[in-house]
Structure formats: C-alpha cells, structure tokens
Amino acid sequence: AGHGGKDPGAVGTKTQEKILTLKAATMLQSELEKLGFKVYMTRSKDEYVGLYDRAAMANDLDATVFVSI
C-alpha cells in the first residue's frame, strides 16, 4: 500500500489516499491468499515506508512480483 504515516498522498474532504491504498491492498492480499499465493505487505498499518525500503524488502524476499497500489 502506497503512502502512509507522514505521507497522506492525495487528501480529499472525506478521506486520504493512504487510507484507501491500505484498504485496497488488504483486500487484494486476502483474495490472493485465498488463491494460494504467499503475500508480503510493505506496510499493514498507517506507517511511512520509503520507496527504496519497499524495493529492498521485495528484493530481500526474492519476490516474483511486486505490486504497488
């Protein structure tokens, strides 16, 4: 899930992008796990994770696919 913590992304009158990306990523995680995929999240709560740190996580896990929402 993109954004998070100090980085809200786009800010509307009723929500912030960081909230929507986390919700979408969590929903996708659930669906992928139902299909038997092992899913790792770069963030699972409202915290800031830098772009290079996200890529490093995927590389350290030897991920086959990296999805950014």
PDB file of N, CA and C in Angstrom:
ATOM      1  N   ALA A   1       0.843  -1.191   0.000  1.00  0.00           N
ATOM      2  CA  ALA A   1       0.000   0.000   0.000  1.00  0.00           C
ATOM      3  C   ALA A   1       0.876   1.237   0.000  1.00  0.00           C
ATOM      4  N   GLY A   2       0.618   2.134  -0.930  1.00  0.00           N
ATOM      5  CA  GLY A   2       1.415   3.345  -1.021  1.00  0.00           C
ATOM      6  C   GLY A   2       1.084   4.355   0.066  1.00  0.00           C
ATOM      7  N   HIS A   3       1.954   5.335   0.171  1.00  0.00           N
ATOM      8  CA  HIS A   3       1.829   6.417   1.144  1.00  0.00           C
ATOM      9  C   HIS A   3       1.851   5.855   2.565  1.00  0.00           C
ATOM     10  N   GLY A   4       1.278   6.522   3.525  1.00  0.00           N
ATOM     11  CA  GLY A   4       1.276   6.050   4.908  1.00  0.00           C
ATOM     12  C   GLY A   4       2.031   6.977   5.833  1.00  0.00           C
ATOM     13  N   GLY A   5       1.632   6.962   7.100  1.00  0.00           N
ATOM     14  CA  GLY A   5       2.283   7.784   8.117  1.00  0.00           C
ATOM     15  C   GLY A   5       2.276   9.244   7.750  1.00  0.00           C
ATOM     16  N   LYS A   6       3.475   9.835   7.668  1.00  0.00           N
ATOM     17  CA  LYS A   6       3.610  11.277   7.384  1.00  0.00           C
ATOM     18  C   LYS A   6       3.235  11.639   5.953  1.00  0.00           C
ATOM     19  N   ASP A   7       3.074  10.636   5.085  1.00  0.00           N
ATOM     20  CA  ASP A   7       2.752  10.880   3.677  1.00  0.00           C
ATOM     21  C   ASP A   7       1.305  10.463   3.396  1.00  0.00           C
ATOM     22  N   PRO A   8       0.367  11.420   3.405  1.00  0.00           N
ATOM     23  CA  PRO A   8      -1.040  11.067   3.216  1.00  0.00           C
ATOM     24  C   PRO A   8      -1.438  10.825   1.762  1.00  0.00           C
ATOM     25  N   GLY A   9      -0.579  11.215   0.802  1.00  0.00           N
ATOM     26  CA  GLY A   9      -0.977  11.153  -0.600  1.00  0.00           C
ATOM     27  C   GLY A   9      -2.006  12.234  -0.862  1.00  0.00           C
ATOM     28  N   ALA A  10      -2.888  11.980  -1.811  1.00  0.00           N
ATOM     29  CA  ALA A  10      -3.947  12.953  -2.106  1.00  0.00           C
ATOM     30  C   ALA A  10      -4.895  13.052  -0.910  1.00  0.00           C
ATOM     31  N   VAL A  11      -5.326  14.262  -0.618  1.00  0.00           N
ATOM     32  CA  VAL A  11      -6.211  14.498   0.529  1.00  0.00           C
ATOM     33  C   VAL A  11      -7.524  15.080   0.026  1.00  0.00           C
ATOM     34  N   GLY A  12      -8.612  14.387   0.336  1.00  0.00           N
ATOM     35  CA  GLY A  12      -9.940  14.866  -0.038  1.00  0.00           C
ATOM     36  C   GLY A  12     -10.656  15.398   1.180  1.00  0.00           C
ATOM     37  N   THR A  13     -11.905  15.733   1.006  1.00  0.00           N
ATOM     38  CA  THR A  13     -12.675  16.267   2.130  1.00  0.00           C
ATOM     39  C   THR A  13     -13.123  15.162   3.091  1.00  0.00           C
ATOM     40  N   LYS A  14     -13.147  13.908   2.626  1.00  0.00           N
ATOM     41  CA  LYS A  14     -13.633  12.822   3.482  1.00  0.00           C
ATOM     42  C   LYS A  14     -12.602  11.736   3.769  1.00  0.00           C
ATOM     43  N   THR A  15     -11.505  11.690   3.033  1.00  0.00           N
ATOM     44  CA  THR A  15     -10.505  10.643   3.255  1.00  0.00           C
ATOM     45  C   THR A  15      -9.159  11.049   2.690  1.00  0.00           C
ATOM     46  N   GLN A  16      -8.166  10.205   2.910  1.00  0.00           N
ATOM     47  CA  GLN A  16      -6.825  10.414   2.387  1.00  0.00           C
ATOM     48  C   GLN A  16      -6.434   9.190   1.562  1.00  0.00           C
ATOM     49  N   GLU A  17      -5.580   9.419   0.593  1.00  0.00           N
ATOM     50  CA  GLU A  17      -5.160   8.333  -0.291  1.00  0.00           C
ATOM     51  C   GLU A  17      -4.521   7.185   0.487  1.00  0.00           C
ATOM     52  N   LYS A  18      -3.743   7.499   1.517  1.00  0.00           N
ATOM     53  CA  LYS A  18      -3.070   6.452   2.282  1.00  0.00           C
ATOM     54  C   LYS A  18      -4.071   5.472   2.908  1.00  0.00           C
ATOM     55  N   ILE A  19      -5.243   5.935   3.264  1.00  0.00           N
ATOM     56  CA  ILE A  19      -6.279   5.078   3.850  1.00  0.00           C
ATOM     57  C   ILE A  19      -6.865   4.159   2.782  1.00  0.00           C
ATOM     58  N   LEU A  20      -7.127   4.730   1.614  1.00  0.00           N
ATOM     59  CA  LEU A  20      -7.709   3.940   0.526  1.00  0.00           C
ATOM     60  C   LEU A  20      -6.724   2.915  -0.031  1.00  0.00           C
ATOM     61  N   THR A  21      -5.442   3.287  -0.142  1.00  0.00           N
ATOM     62  CA  THR A  21      -4.464   2.335  -0.669  1.00  0.00           C
ATOM     63  C   THR A  21      -4.283   1.161   0.283  1.00  0.00           C
ATOM     64  N   LEU A  22      -4.289   1.431   1.581  1.00  0.00           N
ATOM     65  CA  LEU A  22      -4.137   0.348   2.554  1.00  0.00           C
ATOM     66  C   LEU A  22      -5.350  -0.582   2.519  1.00  0.00           C
ATOM     67  N   LYS A  23      -6.526  -0.004   2.402  1.00  0.00           N
ATOM     68  CA  LYS A  23      -7.741  -0.818   2.323  1.00  0.00           C
ATOM     69  C   LYS A  23      -7.725  -1.693   1.063  1.00  0.00           C
ATOM     70  N   ALA A  24      -7.373  -1.110  -0.073  1.00  0.00           N
ATOM     71  CA  ALA A  24      -7.320  -1.861  -1.328  1.00  0.00           C
ATOM     72  C   ALA A  24      -6.260  -2.960  -1.262  1.00  0.00           C
ATOM     73  N   ALA A  25      -5.091  -2.643  -0.718  1.00  0.00           N
ATOM     74  CA  ALA A  25      -4.013  -3.623  -0.627  1.00  0.00           C
ATOM     75  C   ALA A  25      -4.390  -4.780   0.294  1.00  0.00           C
ATOM     76  N   THR A  26      -5.068  -4.483   1.392  1.00  0.00           N
ATOM     77  CA  THR A  26      -5.506  -5.525   2.324  1.00  0.00           C
ATOM     78  C   THR A  26      -6.549  -6.431   1.671  1.00  0.00           C
ATOM     79  N   MET A  27      -7.444  -5.843   0.905  1.00  0.00           N
ATOM     80  CA  MET A  27      -8.448  -6.637   0.190  1.00  0.00           C
ATOM     81  C   MET A  27      -7.770  -7.533  -0.851  1.00  0.00           C
ATOM     82  N   LEU A  28      -6.810  -6.995  -1.584  1.00  0.00           N
ATOM     83  CA  LEU A  28      -6.088  -7.777  -2.581  1.00  0.00           C
ATOM     84  C   LEU A  28      -5.294  -8.900  -1.918  1.00  0.00           C
ATOM     85  N   GLN A  29      -4.668  -8.599  -0.803  1.00  0.00           N
ATOM     86  CA  GLN A  29      -3.924  -9.612  -0.053  1.00  0.00           C
ATOM     87  C   GLN A  29      -4.837 -10.797   0.287  1.00  0.00           C
ATOM     88  N   SER A  30      -5.993 -10.506   0.805  1.00  0.00           N
ATOM     89  CA  SER A  30      -6.947 -11.548   1.180  1.00  0.00           C
ATOM     90  C   SER A  30      -7.327 -12.414  -0.015  1.00  0.00           C
ATOM     91  N   GLU A  31      -7.626 -11.783  -1.131  1.00  0.00           N
ATOM     92  CA  GLU A  31      -8.030 -12.531  -2.331  1.00  0.00           C
ATOM     93  C   GLU A  31      -6.880 -13.384  -2.888  1.00  0.00           C
ATOM     94  N   LEU A  32      -5.679 -12.839  -2.885  1.00  0.00           N
ATOM     95  CA  LEU A  32      -4.529 -13.591  -3.388  1.00  0.00           C
ATOM     96  C   LEU A  32      -4.212 -14.785  -2.487  1.00  0.00           C
ATOM     97  N   GLU A  33      -4.334 -14.588  -1.176  1.00  0.00           N
ATOM     98  CA  GLU A  33      -4.083 -15.682  -0.244  1.00  0.00           C
ATOM     99  C   GLU A  33      -5.117 -16.793  -0.404  1.00  0.00           C
ATOM    100  N   LYS A  34      -6.356 -16.428  -0.691  1.00  0.00           N
ATOM    101  CA  LYS A  34      -7.393 -17.431  -0.954  1.00  0.00           C
ATOM    102  C   LYS A  34      -7.027 -18.299  -2.153  1.00  0.00           C
ATOM    103  N   LEU A  35      -6.305 -17.715  -3.096  1.00  0.00           N
ATOM    104  CA  LEU A  35      -5.879 -18.437  -4.298  1.00  0.00           C
ATOM    105  C   LEU A  35      -4.583 -19.220  -4.076  1.00  0.00           C
ATOM    106  N   GLY A  36      -4.033 -19.121  -2.870  1.00  0.00           N
ATOM    107  CA  GLY A  36      -2.844 -19.893  -2.536  1.00  0.00           C
ATOM    108  C   GLY A  36      -1.518 -19.164  -2.637  1.00  0.00           C
ATOM    109  N   PHE A  37      -1.548 -17.868  -2.910  1.00  0.00           N
ATOM    110  CA  PHE A  37      -0.313 -17.100  -3.016  1.00  0.00           C
ATOM    111  C   PHE A  37       0.192 -16.691  -1.633  1.00  0.00           C
ATOM    112  N   LYS A  38       1.510 -16.632  -1.469  1.00  0.00           N
ATOM    113  CA  LYS A  38       2.127 -16.092  -0.264  1.00  0.00           C
ATOM    114  C   LYS A  38       2.304 -14.601  -0.503  1.00  0.00           C
ATOM    115  N   VAL A  39       1.737 -13.785   0.363  1.00  0.00           N
ATOM    116  CA  VAL A  39       1.735 -12.332   0.177  1.00  0.00           C
ATOM    117  C   VAL A  39       2.471 -11.659   1.338  1.00  0.00           C
ATOM    118  N   TYR A  40       3.366 -10.762   1.001  1.00  0.00           N
ATOM    119  CA  TYR A  40       4.054  -9.936   1.991  1.00  0.00           C
ATOM    120  C   TYR A  40       3.653  -8.491   1.733  1.00  0.00           C
ATOM    121  N   MET A  41       3.325  -7.780   2.779  1.00  0.00           N
ATOM    122  CA  MET A  41       2.933  -6.374   2.662  1.00  0.00           C
ATOM    123  C   MET A  41       4.102  -5.485   3.099  1.00  0.00           C
ATOM    124  N   THR A  42       4.342  -4.400   2.375  1.00  0.00           N
ATOM    125  CA  THR A  42       5.381  -3.471   2.800  1.00  0.00           C
ATOM    126  C   THR A  42       4.903  -2.635   3.978  1.00  0.00           C
ATOM    127  N   ARG A  43       3.596  -2.505   4.115  1.00  0.00           N
ATOM    128  CA  ARG A  43       3.030  -1.899   5.323  1.00  0.00           C
ATOM    129  C   ARG A  43       1.635  -2.465   5.549  1.00  0.00           C
ATOM    130  N   SER A  44       1.298  -2.675   6.826  1.00  0.00           N
ATOM    131  CA  SER A  44      -0.014  -3.205   7.169  1.00  0.00           C
ATOM    132  C   SER A  44      -0.740  -2.294   8.155  1.00  0.00           C
ATOM    133  N   LYS A  45      -0.145  -1.142   8.416  1.00  0.00           N
ATOM    134  CA  LYS A  45      -0.759  -0.128   9.280  1.00  0.00           C
ATOM    135  C   LYS A  45      -0.330   1.236   8.769  1.00  0.00           C
ATOM    136  N   ASP A  46      -0.808   2.275   9.408  1.00  0.00           N
ATOM    137  CA  ASP A  46      -0.515   3.638   8.972  1.00  0.00           C
ATOM    138  C   ASP A  46       0.885   4.041   9.411  1.00  0.00           C
ATOM    139  N   GLU A  47       1.863   3.619   8.623  1.00  0.00           N
ATOM    140  CA  GLU A  47       3.249   3.982   8.892  1.00  0.00           C
ATOM    141  C   GLU A  47       3.924   4.334   7.574  1.00  0.00           C
ATOM    142  N   TYR A  48       4.934   5.175   7.637  1.00  0.00           N
ATOM    143  CA  TYR A  48       5.659   5.582   6.444  1.00  0.00           C
ATOM    144  C   TYR A  48       6.766   4.576   6.150  1.00  0.00           C
ATOM    145  N   VAL A  49       6.826   4.098   4.926  1.00  0.00           N
ATOM    146  CA  VAL A  49       7.914   3.240   4.457  1.00  0.00           C
ATOM    147  C   VAL A  49       8.437   3.879   3.172  1.00  0.00           C
ATOM    148  N   GLY A  50       9.703   4.206   3.147  1.00  0.00           N
ATOM    149  CA  GLY A  50      10.296   4.866   1.986  1.00  0.00           C
ATOM    150  C   GLY A  50      10.287   3.978   0.744  1.00  0.00           C
ATOM    151  N   LEU A  51      10.331   4.609  -0.419  1.00  0.00           N
ATOM    152  CA  LEU A  51      10.286   3.868  -1.683  1.00  0.00           C
ATOM    153  C   LEU A  51      11.446   2.887  -1.815  1.00  0.00           C
ATOM    154  N   TYR A  52      12.649   3.305  -1.469  1.00  0.00           N
ATOM    155  CA  TYR A  52      13.802   2.417  -1.577  1.00  0.00           C
ATOM    156  C   TYR A  52      13.691   1.265  -0.581  1.00  0.00           C
ATOM    157  N   ASP A  53      13.114   1.529   0.594  1.00  0.00           N
ATOM    158  CA  ASP A  53      12.917   0.471   1.588  1.00  0.00           C
ATOM    159  C   ASP A  53      11.909  -0.562   1.088  1.00  0.00           C
ATOM    160  N   ARG A  54      10.881  -0.105   0.392  1.00  0.00           N
ATOM    161  CA  ARG A  54       9.882  -1.033  -0.168  1.00  0.00           C
ATOM    162  C   ARG A  54      10.530  -1.963  -1.190  1.00  0.00           C
ATOM    163  N   ALA A  55      11.329  -1.380  -2.072  1.00  0.00           N
ATOM    164  CA  ALA A  55      12.015  -2.182  -3.096  1.00  0.00           C
ATOM    165  C   ALA A  55      13.008  -3.147  -2.449  1.00  0.00           C
ATOM    166  N   ALA A  56      13.710  -2.694  -1.421  1.00  0.00           N
ATOM    167  CA  ALA A  56      14.670  -3.548  -0.723  1.00  0.00           C
ATOM    168  C   ALA A  56      13.966  -4.737  -0.079  1.00  0.00           C
ATOM    169  N   MET A  57      12.775  -4.505   0.491  1.00  0.00           N
ATOM    170  CA  MET A  57      12.003  -5.606   1.090  1.00  0.00           C
ATOM    171  C   MET A  57      11.701  -6.671   0.043  1.00  0.00           C
ATOM    172  N   ALA A  58      11.227  -6.235  -1.108  1.00  0.00           N
ATOM    173  CA  ALA A  58      10.890  -7.172  -2.182  1.00  0.00           C
ATOM    174  C   ALA A  58      12.129  -7.922  -2.647  1.00  0.00           C
ATOM    175  N   ASN A  59      13.233  -7.224  -2.790  1.00  0.00           N
ATOM    176  CA  ASN A  59      14.475  -7.870  -3.213  1.00  0.00           C
ATOM    177  C   ASN A  59      14.974  -8.858  -2.163  1.00  0.00           C
ATOM    178  N   ASP A  60      14.905  -8.487  -0.896  1.00  0.00           N
ATOM    179  CA  ASP A  60      15.348  -9.375   0.188  1.00  0.00           C
ATOM    180  C   ASP A  60      14.497 -10.648   0.246  1.00  0.00           C
ATOM    181  N   LEU A  61      13.234 -10.533  -0.095  1.00  0.00           N
ATOM    182  CA  LEU A  61      12.328 -11.684  -0.089  1.00  0.00           C
ATOM    183  C   LEU A  61      12.421 -12.478  -1.388  1.00  0.00           C
ATOM    184  N   ASP A  62      13.210 -12.002  -2.338  1.00  0.00           N
ATOM    185  CA  ASP A  62      13.321 -12.615  -3.654  1.00  0.00           C
ATOM    186  C   ASP A  62      11.937 -12.753  -4.290  1.00  0.00           C
ATOM    187  N   ALA A  63      11.163 -11.674  -4.204  1.00  0.00           N
ATOM    188  CA  ALA A  63       9.777 -11.680  -4.691  1.00  0.00           C
ATOM    189  C   ALA A  63       9.714 -11.907  -6.188  1.00  0.00           C
ATOM    190  N   THR A  64       8.695 -12.627  -6.594  1.00  0.00           N
ATOM    191  CA  THR A  64       8.455 -12.875  -8.007  1.00  0.00           C
ATOM    192  C   THR A  64       7.735 -11.689  -8.633  1.00  0.00           C
ATOM    193  N   VAL A  65       6.821 -11.101  -7.869  1.00  0.00           N
ATOM    194  CA  VAL A  65       6.010  -9.973  -8.348  1.00  0.00           C
ATOM    195  C   VAL A  65       5.967  -8.907  -7.252  1.00  0.00           C
ATOM    196  N   PHE A  66       6.022  -7.639  -7.669  1.00  0.00           N
ATOM    197  CA  PHE A  66       5.882  -6.523  -6.737  1.00  0.00           C
ATOM    198  C   PHE A  66       4.712  -5.672  -7.233  1.00  0.00           C
ATOM    199  N   VAL A  67       3.683  -5.542  -6.417  1.00  0.00           N
ATOM    200  CA  VAL A  67       2.506  -4.754  -6.785  1.00  0.00           C
ATOM    201  C   VAL A  67       2.472  -3.501  -5.930  1.00  0.00           C
ATOM    202  N   SER A  68       2.365  -2.367  -6.580  1.00  0.00           N
ATOM    203  CA  SER A  68       2.293  -1.089  -5.873  1.00  0.00           C
ATOM    204  C   SER A  68       0.920  -0.486  -6.090  1.00  0.00           C
ATOM    205  N   ILE A  69       0.248  -0.172  -4.997  1.00  0.00           N
ATOM    206  CA  ILE A  69      -1.093   0.427  -5.073  1.00  0.00           C
ATOM    207  C   ILE A  69      -1.018   1.827  -4.515  1.00  0.00           C
TER     208      ILE A  69
END
